[in-house]
């Protein structure tokens, strides 16, 4: 799973403001819309929040959600830890979406 982040710039200077998307098409659509209607420049970047690829086999159905979350969280890079719960619910095949 990748994250699609839109960053806001003014005169090529990054402003502390960003939006995270989980879908590339939504990010592109957003950038097109805001770049036409704003004097700021919006740029998209693609990032991988995980240290290693997490396949669907990672999730053992015999473990509790809290056990899975603890293991899952260890594989998330520190700068994306604040998204750990959201990533688990989007990535785990047997959670309610």
N, C-alpha and C. Protein backbone atom coordinates (compact mmCIF):
# COMPACT_ATOMS: atom_id res chain seq x y z
N UNK A 1 0.85 -1.17 0.00
CA UNK A 1 0.00 0.00 0.00
C UNK A 1 0.90 1.23 0.00
N UNK A 2 0.52 2.17 -0.80
CA UNK A 2 1.25 3.43 -0.86
C UNK A 2 0.36 4.55 -0.36
N UNK A 3 1.00 5.61 0.08
CA UNK A 3 0.29 6.82 0.46
C UNK A 3 0.59 7.89 -0.58
N UNK A 4 -0.40 8.69 -0.86
CA UNK A 4 -0.27 9.77 -1.84
C UNK A 4 -0.46 11.08 -1.08
N UNK A 5 0.60 11.85 -1.01
CA UNK A 5 0.59 13.06 -0.19
C UNK A 5 0.67 14.29 -1.08
N UNK A 6 -0.21 15.23 -0.82
CA UNK A 6 -0.20 16.51 -1.53
C UNK A 6 0.43 17.54 -0.61
N UNK A 7 1.47 18.19 -1.12
CA UNK A 7 2.16 19.22 -0.35
C UNK A 7 1.89 20.58 -0.97
N UNK A 8 1.82 21.58 -0.12
CA UNK A 8 1.48 22.94 -0.53
C UNK A 8 2.74 23.81 -0.53
N UNK A 9 2.94 24.56 -1.62
CA UNK A 9 4.11 25.42 -1.77
C UNK A 9 3.69 26.84 -2.13
N UNK A 10 4.50 27.78 -1.71
CA UNK A 10 4.35 29.17 -2.13
C UNK A 10 5.73 29.67 -2.51
N UNK A 11 5.92 30.07 -3.77
CA UNK A 11 7.24 30.49 -4.28
C UNK A 11 8.30 29.42 -4.02
N UNK A 12 7.99 28.19 -4.34
CA UNK A 12 8.88 27.03 -4.15
C UNK A 12 9.31 26.80 -2.71
N UNK A 13 8.59 27.35 -1.78
CA UNK A 13 8.86 27.12 -0.36
C UNK A 13 7.73 26.27 0.21
N UNK A 14 8.10 25.14 0.80
CA UNK A 14 7.10 24.22 1.36
C UNK A 14 6.43 24.85 2.57
N UNK A 15 5.12 24.79 2.58
CA UNK A 15 4.35 25.26 3.73
C UNK A 15 3.93 24.05 4.55
N UNK A 16 3.90 24.19 5.84
CA UNK A 16 3.56 23.08 6.73
C UNK A 16 2.08 22.73 6.61
N UNK A 17 1.72 22.19 5.48
CA UNK A 17 0.34 21.85 5.22
C UNK A 17 0.33 20.72 4.20
N UNK A 18 -0.29 19.61 4.52
CA UNK A 18 -0.35 18.51 3.56
C UNK A 18 -1.65 17.73 3.74
N UNK A 19 -2.00 16.99 2.70
CA UNK A 19 -3.20 16.15 2.71
C UNK A 19 -2.77 14.77 2.27
N UNK A 20 -3.29 13.74 2.94
CA UNK A 20 -2.93 12.37 2.63
C UNK A 20 -4.10 11.68 1.95
N UNK A 21 -3.81 11.02 0.83
CA UNK A 21 -4.80 10.24 0.10
C UNK A 21 -4.35 8.78 0.08
N UNK A 22 -5.32 7.90 -0.03
CA UNK A 22 -5.02 6.47 -0.14
C UNK A 22 -5.22 5.99 -1.57
N UNK A 23 -5.61 6.88 -2.45
CA UNK A 23 -5.89 6.55 -3.84
C UNK A 23 -5.22 7.58 -4.75
N UNK A 24 -4.43 7.11 -5.70
CA UNK A 24 -3.68 8.01 -6.57
C UNK A 24 -4.59 8.88 -7.43
N UNK A 25 -5.65 8.30 -7.96
CA UNK A 25 -6.57 9.06 -8.82
C UNK A 25 -7.22 10.22 -8.06
N UNK A 26 -7.56 9.99 -6.80
CA UNK A 26 -8.15 11.06 -6.00
C UNK A 26 -7.14 12.18 -5.76
N UNK A 27 -5.87 11.80 -5.54
CA UNK A 27 -4.84 12.81 -5.35
C UNK A 27 -4.68 13.66 -6.61
N UNK A 28 -4.61 13.01 -7.76
CA UNK A 28 -4.43 13.73 -9.02
C UNK A 28 -5.60 14.66 -9.28
N UNK A 29 -6.80 14.18 -9.05
CA UNK A 29 -7.99 15.01 -9.25
C UNK A 29 -7.95 16.23 -8.32
N UNK A 30 -7.58 16.02 -7.09
CA UNK A 30 -7.49 17.13 -6.13
C UNK A 30 -6.46 18.17 -6.58
N UNK A 31 -5.28 17.69 -7.00
CA UNK A 31 -4.22 18.61 -7.44
C UNK A 31 -4.69 19.44 -8.63
N UNK A 32 -5.35 18.81 -9.57
CA UNK A 32 -5.85 19.54 -10.75
C UNK A 32 -6.83 20.63 -10.34
N UNK A 33 -7.71 20.30 -9.43
CA UNK A 33 -8.73 21.27 -9.00
C UNK A 33 -8.11 22.45 -8.24
N UNK A 34 -7.26 22.16 -7.27
CA UNK A 34 -6.72 23.25 -6.44
C UNK A 34 -5.68 24.08 -7.16
N UNK A 35 -4.92 23.48 -8.07
CA UNK A 35 -3.91 24.26 -8.79
C UNK A 35 -4.55 25.27 -9.74
N UNK A 36 -5.75 25.00 -10.19
CA UNK A 36 -6.44 25.93 -11.08
C UNK A 36 -7.06 27.09 -10.31
N UNK A 37 -7.38 26.88 -9.06
CA UNK A 37 -8.13 27.87 -8.29
C UNK A 37 -7.33 28.49 -7.15
N UNK A 38 -6.01 28.42 -7.20
CA UNK A 38 -5.23 28.91 -6.08
C UNK A 38 -3.93 29.54 -6.56
N UNK A 39 -3.39 30.45 -5.77
CA UNK A 39 -2.08 31.01 -6.09
C UNK A 39 -0.97 30.20 -5.43
N UNK A 40 -1.32 29.19 -4.65
CA UNK A 40 -0.35 28.23 -4.12
C UNK A 40 -0.11 27.16 -5.18
N UNK A 41 1.00 26.46 -5.06
CA UNK A 41 1.28 25.33 -5.94
C UNK A 41 1.19 24.07 -5.10
N UNK A 42 0.48 23.09 -5.61
CA UNK A 42 0.31 21.82 -4.91
C UNK A 42 1.03 20.74 -5.70
N UNK A 43 1.82 19.94 -5.00
CA UNK A 43 2.58 18.85 -5.63
C UNK A 43 2.28 17.55 -4.90
N UNK A 44 2.22 16.49 -5.67
CA UNK A 44 1.96 15.18 -5.09
C UNK A 44 3.22 14.35 -4.99
N UNK A 45 3.33 13.60 -3.91
CA UNK A 45 4.43 12.64 -3.76
C UNK A 45 3.83 11.30 -3.37
N UNK A 46 4.55 10.25 -3.71
CA UNK A 46 4.12 8.89 -3.39
C UNK A 46 5.11 8.31 -2.40
N UNK A 47 4.61 7.78 -1.29
CA UNK A 47 5.49 7.22 -0.27
C UNK A 47 5.03 5.82 0.13
N UNK A 48 5.97 5.03 0.57
CA UNK A 48 5.67 3.70 1.10
C UNK A 48 5.83 3.79 2.62
N UNK A 49 4.75 3.61 3.38
CA UNK A 49 4.84 3.78 4.83
C UNK A 49 5.46 2.59 5.58
N UNK A 50 5.76 1.50 4.86
CA UNK A 50 6.23 0.28 5.51
C UNK A 50 7.72 0.04 5.33
N UNK A 51 8.34 -0.60 6.33
CA UNK A 51 9.73 -1.01 6.22
C UNK A 51 9.87 -2.14 5.22
N UNK A 52 8.94 -3.08 5.26
CA UNK A 52 8.96 -4.20 4.32
C UNK A 52 7.53 -4.44 3.84
N UNK A 53 7.42 -5.11 2.70
CA UNK A 53 6.11 -5.36 2.11
C UNK A 53 5.31 -6.29 3.02
N UNK A 54 4.08 -5.92 3.27
CA UNK A 54 3.20 -6.72 4.11
C UNK A 54 2.17 -7.38 3.21
N UNK A 55 2.28 -8.69 3.06
CA UNK A 55 1.33 -9.42 2.25
C UNK A 55 0.10 -9.80 3.05
N UNK A 56 -0.89 -10.31 2.36
CA UNK A 56 -2.13 -10.71 3.04
C UNK A 56 -1.88 -11.86 4.02
N UNK A 57 -0.80 -12.63 3.81
CA UNK A 57 -0.48 -13.74 4.72
C UNK A 57 0.03 -13.25 6.07
N UNK A 58 0.34 -11.99 6.16
CA UNK A 58 0.82 -11.39 7.41
C UNK A 58 -0.23 -11.48 8.50
N UNK A 59 -1.49 -11.44 8.12
CA UNK A 59 -2.59 -11.37 9.08
C UNK A 59 -3.11 -12.76 9.42
N UNK A 60 -2.77 -13.24 10.60
CA UNK A 60 -3.20 -14.55 11.08
C UNK A 60 -4.60 -14.42 11.68
N UNK A 61 -5.60 -15.11 11.11
CA UNK A 61 -6.97 -14.98 11.62
C UNK A 61 -7.16 -15.52 13.03
N UNK A 62 -6.17 -16.23 13.56
CA UNK A 62 -6.28 -16.80 14.90
C UNK A 62 -5.74 -15.85 15.98
N UNK A 63 -5.20 -14.72 15.56
CA UNK A 63 -4.70 -13.73 16.52
C UNK A 63 -5.75 -12.65 16.74
N UNK A 64 -5.67 -12.03 17.89
CA UNK A 64 -6.60 -10.93 18.19
C UNK A 64 -6.19 -9.69 17.41
N UNK A 65 -7.12 -8.77 17.28
CA UNK A 65 -6.83 -7.53 16.57
C UNK A 65 -5.70 -6.76 17.27
N UNK A 66 -5.68 -6.79 18.59
CA UNK A 66 -4.62 -6.06 19.30
C UNK A 66 -3.25 -6.68 19.04
N UNK A 67 -3.18 -8.01 18.95
CA UNK A 67 -1.91 -8.67 18.63
C UNK A 67 -1.47 -8.33 17.21
N UNK A 68 -2.43 -8.38 16.28
CA UNK A 68 -2.12 -8.03 14.90
C UNK A 68 -1.64 -6.58 14.79
N UNK A 69 -2.32 -5.70 15.51
CA UNK A 69 -1.96 -4.29 15.47
C UNK A 69 -0.55 -4.07 15.98
N UNK A 70 -0.18 -4.74 17.07
CA UNK A 70 1.17 -4.59 17.62
C UNK A 70 2.24 -5.03 16.61
N UNK A 71 2.00 -6.15 15.93
CA UNK A 71 2.95 -6.64 14.93
C UNK A 71 2.97 -5.72 13.71
N UNK A 72 1.78 -5.31 13.28
CA UNK A 72 1.64 -4.45 12.11
C UNK A 72 2.36 -3.12 12.33
N UNK A 73 2.18 -2.56 13.50
CA UNK A 73 2.75 -1.24 13.82
C UNK A 73 4.28 -1.25 13.78
N UNK A 74 4.89 -2.37 14.11
CA UNK A 74 6.34 -2.49 14.08
C UNK A 74 6.90 -2.33 12.66
N UNK A 75 6.07 -2.60 11.66
CA UNK A 75 6.51 -2.52 10.26
C UNK A 75 6.24 -1.17 9.61
N UNK A 76 5.71 -0.23 10.37
CA UNK A 76 5.41 1.10 9.84
C UNK A 76 6.55 2.05 10.19
N UNK A 77 6.99 2.81 9.22
CA UNK A 77 8.07 3.78 9.44
C UNK A 77 7.63 4.81 10.48
N UNK A 78 8.57 5.31 11.28
CA UNK A 78 8.22 6.24 12.38
C UNK A 78 7.41 7.46 11.94
N UNK A 79 7.71 8.01 10.80
CA UNK A 79 7.01 9.22 10.37
C UNK A 79 5.55 8.98 9.98
N UNK A 80 5.15 7.69 9.88
CA UNK A 80 3.77 7.37 9.53
C UNK A 80 3.04 6.62 10.65
N UNK A 81 3.64 6.57 11.84
CA UNK A 81 3.01 5.88 12.97
C UNK A 81 1.64 6.46 13.32
N UNK A 82 1.46 7.74 13.11
CA UNK A 82 0.17 8.35 13.44
C UNK A 82 -0.97 7.80 12.57
N UNK A 83 -0.62 7.12 11.47
CA UNK A 83 -1.63 6.52 10.59
C UNK A 83 -1.78 5.01 10.81
N UNK A 84 -1.15 4.47 11.83
CA UNK A 84 -1.10 3.02 12.02
C UNK A 84 -2.48 2.37 12.06
N UNK A 85 -3.37 2.92 12.83
CA UNK A 85 -4.70 2.32 12.95
C UNK A 85 -5.46 2.38 11.63
N UNK A 86 -5.42 3.51 10.97
CA UNK A 86 -6.10 3.66 9.67
C UNK A 86 -5.52 2.69 8.64
N UNK A 87 -4.20 2.55 8.61
CA UNK A 87 -3.56 1.62 7.68
C UNK A 87 -3.96 0.18 7.96
N UNK A 88 -4.04 -0.19 9.24
CA UNK A 88 -4.46 -1.54 9.59
C UNK A 88 -5.85 -1.82 9.06
N UNK A 89 -6.78 -0.92 9.29
CA UNK A 89 -8.16 -1.14 8.84
C UNK A 89 -8.28 -1.15 7.33
N UNK A 90 -7.43 -0.44 6.64
CA UNK A 90 -7.48 -0.44 5.18
C UNK A 90 -6.79 -1.66 4.58
N UNK A 91 -5.81 -2.19 5.28
CA UNK A 91 -4.98 -3.24 4.72
C UNK A 91 -5.37 -4.65 5.16
N UNK A 92 -5.83 -4.80 6.38
CA UNK A 92 -6.17 -6.12 6.93
C UNK A 92 -7.40 -6.68 6.21
N UNK A 93 -7.33 -7.91 5.69
CA UNK A 93 -8.44 -8.44 4.89
C UNK A 93 -9.71 -8.77 5.68
N UNK A 94 -9.63 -8.88 6.98
CA UNK A 94 -10.84 -9.26 7.72
C UNK A 94 -11.28 -8.21 8.73
N UNK A 95 -10.97 -6.96 8.49
CA UNK A 95 -11.52 -5.88 9.32
C UNK A 95 -12.65 -5.22 8.56
N UNK A 96 -13.52 -4.57 9.29
CA UNK A 96 -14.65 -3.88 8.67
C UNK A 96 -14.14 -2.58 8.07
N UNK A 97 -14.45 -2.36 6.81
CA UNK A 97 -13.96 -1.17 6.11
C UNK A 97 -15.06 -0.15 5.98
